[in-house]
Amino acid sequence: MPVFASLTYLVLIIPFVTSLSFNFDSFNTNDQNITYEADAYPANRVIQLTKNQLNSSLNYSIGRATYSKTLYLWDNASGNITDFFTHFSFGIDSLGKNLYADGLAFFLAPAGSRIPDNKSAAGGGLGLAIDSRQNTSRNHPVVAVEFDTFKNYYDPPGDHVGVNINSMVSVVNVTWFSSIPNNKTTDAWITYNSTSKNLSVVFIGYHQQGNTTVPFLQTLSYNIDLRDYLPEWVTFGFSGPKKLLYGELARCTNNFSPEKMLGQGGFGGVYKGYVRESDSYIAVKRISRE
């Protein structure tokens, strides 16, 4: 599942003397403003967060792209906290298939934050947490907006957008009508209001109108005082993993054995799978064409 992102940021800091704002409409290898981790890299004017499906093994590919400068999120002396706004565009290419994983996230974490563990943070961990533990450790606090495309056992059904606080279990989420098999681009706008302490997300979903796939706006919001979870200085950016081709999913479910079936959901059966490499259990939906 290649994940590419064309990103546009606008970050405004109101209570403080300094401000931080920028706008990128393309990315290249000579740009020193973006820091890349693990498999992330710039290619064809966009950011590729994971390995390209056409030329590399997919299993446990993971990557992060962060802005090189840190953000002064709040001031300990005065208690003032910043407002911020960001807009970005991204796409997830499943090559037309209905089975894909795992998604990506916009996140804020303490300055100097790095991927917790390149392999174990893949999959449901979205590069933010050790997948099998769900929760981030005290050394890796994070607030994130996830665009999750794979149902782990702690996830709601279907593609969804959620707000995560030190855990991969979202405190609030909403179904995301992503239309990923149709290779649609998603725009997202994330705003934090320091007065109301409201984190709001507006993003593109898609629905069918006759024979046409039509975009529409979806929303999600959550009230959070970021001072309770993050330090004064934070890093921010994008994190995304992908793992498990169809053959790997078949292997970890014993070829979709009836004994592994957890239940029957919309469009197919749900199976319990065990991933040896990360010592974790996953729920796998096998899409039926009927």
Protein backbone atom coordinates (compact mmCIF):
# COMPACT_ATOMS: atom_id res chain seq x y z
CA MET A 1 0.00 0.00 0.00
CA PRO A 2 1.99 2.99 -1.16
CA VAL A 3 1.12 6.12 0.78
CA PHE A 4 1.89 9.46 -0.83
CA ALA A 5 1.23 12.92 0.51
CA SER A 6 1.21 16.37 -1.02
CA LEU A 7 1.23 18.56 2.04
CA THR A 8 0.30 22.16 2.72
CA TYR A 9 0.83 23.54 6.20
CA LEU A 10 -0.17 26.81 7.78
CA VAL A 11 0.77 27.08 11.43
CA LEU A 12 0.04 30.28 13.37
CA ILE A 13 1.15 30.93 16.95
CA ILE A 14 -0.98 33.66 18.50
CA PRO A 15 0.01 34.08 22.18
CA PHE A 16 3.76 34.22 21.64
CA VAL A 17 6.18 36.66 20.07
CA THR A 18 7.50 34.16 17.55
CA SER A 19 5.40 32.54 14.83
CA LEU A 20 5.80 29.59 12.51
CA SER A 21 4.17 29.27 9.13
CA PHE A 22 5.00 27.53 5.87
CA ASN A 23 3.50 26.23 2.66
CA PHE A 24 4.79 23.34 0.54
CA ASP A 25 3.24 22.39 -2.76
CA SER A 26 5.99 19.88 -3.62
CA PHE A 27 8.92 18.06 -2.03
CA ASN A 28 12.40 17.12 -3.22
CA THR A 29 15.61 15.59 -1.91
CA ASN A 30 17.33 18.99 -1.60
CA ASP A 31 14.73 20.36 0.82
CA GLN A 32 16.25 20.54 4.30
CA ASN A 33 12.99 21.60 5.96
CA ILE A 34 11.62 18.05 6.14
CA THR A 35 13.19 15.29 8.22
CA TYR A 36 12.61 11.74 6.96
CA GLU A 37 12.76 8.59 9.08
CA ALA A 38 12.96 4.91 8.17
CA ASP A 39 11.37 4.27 4.74
CA ALA A 40 9.96 7.78 4.14
CA TYR A 41 11.43 9.75 1.24
CA PRO A 42 10.49 12.41 -1.33
CA ALA A 43 9.67 11.16 -4.83
CA ASN A 44 7.93 12.72 -7.82
CA ARG A 45 7.29 15.94 -5.86
CA VAL A 46 5.39 14.18 -3.06
CA ILE A 47 6.32 12.42 0.18
CA GLN A 48 6.28 8.63 0.08
CA LEU A 49 5.83 7.49 3.68
CA THR A 50 6.50 3.81 2.96
CA LYS A 51 8.25 1.66 0.39
CA ASN A 52 6.88 1.64 -3.13
CA GLN A 53 4.81 -1.50 -3.71
CA LEU A 54 6.15 -1.93 -7.22
CA ASN A 55 9.79 -2.25 -6.29
CA SER A 56 10.06 -3.39 -2.66
CA SER A 57 8.77 -5.87 -0.12
CA LEU A 58 5.75 -4.46 1.68
CA ASN A 59 6.05 -6.20 4.98
CA TYR A 60 6.59 -3.87 7.92
CA SER A 61 7.50 -0.82 5.91
CA ILE A 62 7.20 2.29 8.04
CA GLY A 63 8.12 5.94 7.76
CA ARG A 64 7.80 9.42 9.22
CA ALA A 65 8.13 12.89 7.76
CA THR A 66 8.41 15.79 10.21
CA TYR A 67 9.10 19.50 9.96
CA SER A 68 12.70 20.28 10.84
CA LYS A 69 11.82 23.04 13.31
CA THR A 70 10.03 22.39 16.58
CA LEU A 71 6.77 24.08 17.55
CA TYR A 72 6.46 26.18 20.73
CA LEU A 73 3.11 24.70 21.71
CA TRP A 74 2.62 26.34 25.11
CA ASP A 75 4.41 28.49 27.66
CA ASN A 76 4.91 27.13 31.16
CA ALA A 77 5.35 30.55 32.79
CA SER A 78 2.13 32.09 31.48
CA GLY A 79 0.16 28.95 30.70
CA ASN A 80 -0.60 30.33 27.23
CA ILE A 81 -1.14 27.78 24.50
CA THR A 82 -1.02 28.26 20.75
CA ASP A 83 -3.67 27.99 18.09
CA PHE A 84 -2.66 26.07 15.00
CA PHE A 85 -4.04 25.12 11.62
CA THR A 86 -2.81 22.70 8.99
CA HIS A 87 -4.08 21.60 5.60
CA PHE A 88 -2.67 18.65 3.69
CA SER A 89 -3.53 16.29 0.85
CA PHE A 90 -2.70 12.61 0.66
CA GLY A 91 -3.49 9.45 -1.23
CA ILE A 92 -3.36 5.73 -0.50
CA ASP A 93 -2.89 3.48 -3.51
CA SER A 94 -4.30 -0.03 -3.04
CA LEU A 95 -3.95 -0.79 -6.77
CA GLY A 96 -7.71 -1.14 -6.94
CA LYS A 97 -7.88 -3.87 -4.30
CA ASN A 98 -10.37 -3.89 -1.41
CA LEU A 99 -7.84 -5.30 1.06
CA TYR A 100 -5.28 -2.76 2.27
CA ALA A 101 -3.54 -1.49 5.40
CA ASP A 102 -2.76 0.39 7.60
CA GLY A 103 -3.12 4.16 7.16
CA LEU A 104 -1.33 7.27 8.34
CA ALA A 105 -1.53 9.91 11.04
CA PHE A 106 -0.81 13.59 11.62
CA PHE A 107 0.82 13.78 15.03
CA LEU A 108 2.38 16.00 17.68
CA ALA A 109 5.00 14.52 20.00
CA PRO A 110 7.81 15.79 22.25
CA ALA A 111 10.67 17.48 20.43
CA GLY A 112 13.19 14.88 19.29
CA SER A 113 10.58 12.11 19.06
CA ARG A 114 11.47 9.16 16.83
CA ILE A 115 9.68 5.99 15.70
CA PRO A 116 9.51 3.79 18.86
CA ASP A 117 10.63 0.62 17.06
CA ASN A 118 10.77 0.32 13.29
CA LYS A 119 9.20 -3.16 13.06
CA SER A 120 6.97 -3.33 16.14
CA ALA A 121 5.47 0.11 15.51
CA ALA A 122 4.30 -0.92 12.03
CA GLY A 123 0.75 -1.95 11.28
CA GLY A 124 -1.80 -0.82 13.85
CA GLY A 125 0.84 1.22 15.67
CA LEU A 126 0.93 3.63 12.69
CA GLY A 127 4.55 4.36 13.52
CA LEU A 128 3.49 5.91 16.84
CA ALA A 129 3.14 2.99 19.27
CA ILE A 130 4.26 -0.58 19.67
CA ASP A 131 1.48 -2.36 17.78
CA SER A 132 0.91 -5.23 20.21
CA ARG A 133 0.69 -2.86 23.21
CA GLN A 134 -1.81 -0.36 21.76
CA ASN A 135 -0.55 2.34 24.15
CA THR A 136 2.49 4.54 23.74
CA SER A 137 5.00 4.45 26.57
CA ARG A 138 5.81 7.34 28.91
CA ASN A 139 8.81 7.99 26.70
CA HIS A 140 6.60 8.36 23.61
CA PRO A 141 3.57 10.56 24.44
CA VAL A 142 1.61 11.57 21.37
CA VAL A 143 -1.56 13.31 20.24
CA ALA A 144 -2.58 12.30 16.73
CA VAL A 145 -5.32 12.35 14.15
CA GLU A 146 -5.34 8.94 12.50
CA PHE A 147 -6.67 8.00 9.07
CA ASP A 148 -6.96 4.30 9.80
CA THR A 149 -7.63 1.85 6.98
CA PHE A 150 -7.31 -1.50 8.76
CA LYS A 151 -9.46 -2.99 11.50
CA ASN A 152 -7.38 -4.20 14.42
CA TYR A 153 -9.24 -5.89 17.27
CA TYR A 154 -9.55 -2.59 19.17
CA ASP A 155 -10.78 -0.61 16.13
CA PRO A 156 -14.31 0.20 14.95
CA PRO A 157 -15.36 -1.48 11.68
CA GLY A 158 -14.28 0.02 8.39
CA ASP A 159 -11.99 2.90 7.45
CA HIS A 160 -12.19 5.61 10.07
CA VAL A 161 -10.70 8.88 11.30
CA GLY A 162 -9.95 9.18 14.99
CA VAL A 163 -8.26 11.31 17.64
CA ASN A 164 -5.63 9.38 19.58
CA ILE A 165 -4.06 10.37 22.91
CA ASN A 166 -1.17 8.17 24.04
CA SER A 167 -3.00 5.16 22.62
CA MET A 168 -4.01 3.62 19.33
CA VAL A 169 -7.54 3.28 20.73
CA SER A 170 -9.17 6.51 19.57
CA VAL A 171 -10.98 8.67 22.14
CA VAL A 172 -13.40 9.63 19.38
CA ASN A 173 -13.78 8.40 15.81
CA VAL A 174 -16.03 8.55 12.78
CA THR A 175 -16.42 6.32 9.73
CA TRP A 176 -14.35 7.57 6.81
CA PHE A 177 -15.88 7.08 3.36
CA SER A 178 -12.42 6.95 1.79
CA SER A 179 -12.96 5.31 -1.63
CA ILE A 180 -9.35 4.07 -1.48
CA PRO A 181 -9.81 1.31 -4.13
CA ASN A 182 -10.77 4.10 -6.53
CA ASN A 183 -7.44 5.84 -5.80
CA LYS A 184 -9.05 9.07 -4.57
CA THR A 185 -7.06 11.90 -2.99
CA THR A 186 -8.07 13.11 0.46
CA ASP A 187 -7.77 16.69 1.70
CA ALA A 188 -7.78 17.31 5.44
CA TRP A 189 -7.88 20.44 7.59
CA ILE A 190 -6.95 20.24 11.27
CA THR A 191 -7.50 23.19 13.62
CA TYR A 192 -6.79 23.69 17.31
CA ASN A 193 -8.53 26.54 19.17
CA SER A 194 -6.60 27.42 22.32
CA THR A 195 -9.58 29.23 23.87
CA SER A 196 -12.15 26.45 23.52
CA LYS A 197 -9.47 23.68 23.62
CA ASN A 198 -11.20 22.19 20.60
CA LEU A 199 -9.33 20.01 18.11
CA SER A 200 -11.38 19.83 14.92
CA VAL A 201 -10.84 17.81 11.76
CA VAL A 202 -12.52 18.38 8.40
CA PHE A 203 -11.73 15.89 5.66
CA ILE A 204 -12.94 14.62 2.31
CA GLY A 205 -15.12 11.54 2.00
CA TYR A 206 -16.75 10.08 -1.12
CA HIS A 207 -20.15 8.65 -1.99
CA GLN A 208 -21.75 7.29 -5.12
CA GLN A 209 -24.12 9.49 -7.07
CA GLY A 210 -25.31 7.41 -9.97
CA ASN A 211 -22.20 6.23 -11.78
CA THR A 212 -20.07 9.02 -10.33
CA THR A 213 -18.02 9.10 -7.12
CA VAL A 214 -18.72 12.48 -5.51
CA PRO A 215 -16.64 14.12 -2.74
CA PHE A 216 -18.22 15.57 0.39
CA LEU A 217 -16.96 17.03 3.67
CA GLN A 218 -16.81 14.97 6.86
CA THR A 219 -16.04 16.29 10.34
CA LEU A 220 -14.72 15.17 13.71
CA SER A 221 -13.89 17.15 16.85
CA TYR A 222 -12.70 16.62 20.41
CA ASN A 223 -12.03 18.94 23.35
CA ILE A 224 -8.52 18.48 24.73
CA ASP A 225 -6.09 20.63 26.69
CA LEU A 226 -2.83 19.79 24.96
CA ARG A 227 -0.86 21.03 27.99
CA ASP A 228 -2.03 17.93 29.87
CA TYR A 229 -0.36 15.56 27.41
CA LEU A 230 2.50 17.31 25.62
CA PRO A 231 5.54 19.37 26.67
CA GLU A 232 6.11 23.01 25.68
CA TRP A 233 8.17 22.14 22.59
CA VAL A 234 6.89 19.53 20.17
CA THR A 235 7.71 18.04 16.81
CA PHE A 236 4.95 17.42 14.29
CA GLY A 237 4.41 15.68 11.00
CA PHE A 238 3.14 12.47 9.43
CA SER A 239 3.65 8.81 10.21
CA GLY A 240 2.46 5.81 8.20
CA PRO A 241 3.01 2.06 7.98
CA LYS A 242 1.92 -0.75 5.80
CA LYS A 243 2.28 -4.48 6.27
CA LEU A 244 0.97 -7.85 5.23
CA LEU A 245 0.27 -8.75 1.64
CA TYR A 246 -2.56 -11.18 0.93
CA GLY A 247 -0.21 -14.14 1.30
CA GLU A 248 0.85 -12.94 4.74
CA LEU A 249 -2.77 -12.46 5.79
CA ALA A 250 -3.57 -15.98 4.60
CA ARG A 251 -0.61 -17.38 6.53
CA CYS A 252 -1.47 -15.67 9.81
CA THR A 253 -5.10 -16.89 9.60
CA ASN A 254 -4.18 -20.44 8.56
CA ASN A 255 -5.48 -19.72 5.07
CA PHE A 256 -8.67 -18.18 6.47
CA SER A 257 -9.47 -21.33 8.40
CA PRO A 258 -13.07 -21.66 9.69
CA GLU A 259 -11.59 -22.14 13.17
CA LYS A 260 -10.14 -18.62 12.93
CA MET A 261 -13.42 -16.95 11.99
CA LEU A 262 -14.59 -14.41 14.56
CA GLY A 263 -17.84 -13.60 12.85
CA GLN A 264 -19.57 -12.50 9.68
CA GLY A 265 -19.72 -8.80 8.94
CA GLY A 266 -20.80 -6.68 6.01
CA PHE A 267 -19.16 -7.83 2.77
CA GLY A 268 -17.37 -10.82 4.29
CA GLY A 269 -16.06 -12.83 7.21
CA VAL A 270 -13.73 -11.55 9.95
CA TYR A 271 -10.83 -13.80 11.01
CA LYS A 272 -8.38 -13.77 13.90
CA GLY A 273 -4.76 -13.74 12.81
CA TYR A 274 -1.45 -13.99 14.66
CA VAL A 275 1.60 -12.09 13.39
CA ARG A 276 4.71 -13.81 14.70
CA GLU A 277 7.11 -11.02 13.77
CA SER A 278 5.42 -8.44 16.02
CA ASP A 279 3.87 -10.92 18.50
CA SER A 280 0.42 -9.43 17.96
CA TYR A 281 -3.10 -10.47 17.04
CA ILE A 282 -5.09 -8.81 14.26
CA ALA A 283 -8.61 -9.02 12.90
CA VAL A 284 -8.75 -9.63 9.14
CA LYS A 285 -11.83 -9.06 7.03
CA ARG A 286 -11.95 -11.16 3.87
CA ILE A 287 -14.01 -9.27 1.33
CA SER A 288 -16.64 -11.33 -0.49
CA ARG A 289 -17.59 -10.49 -4.06
CA GLU A 290 -21.12 -11.80 -3.53
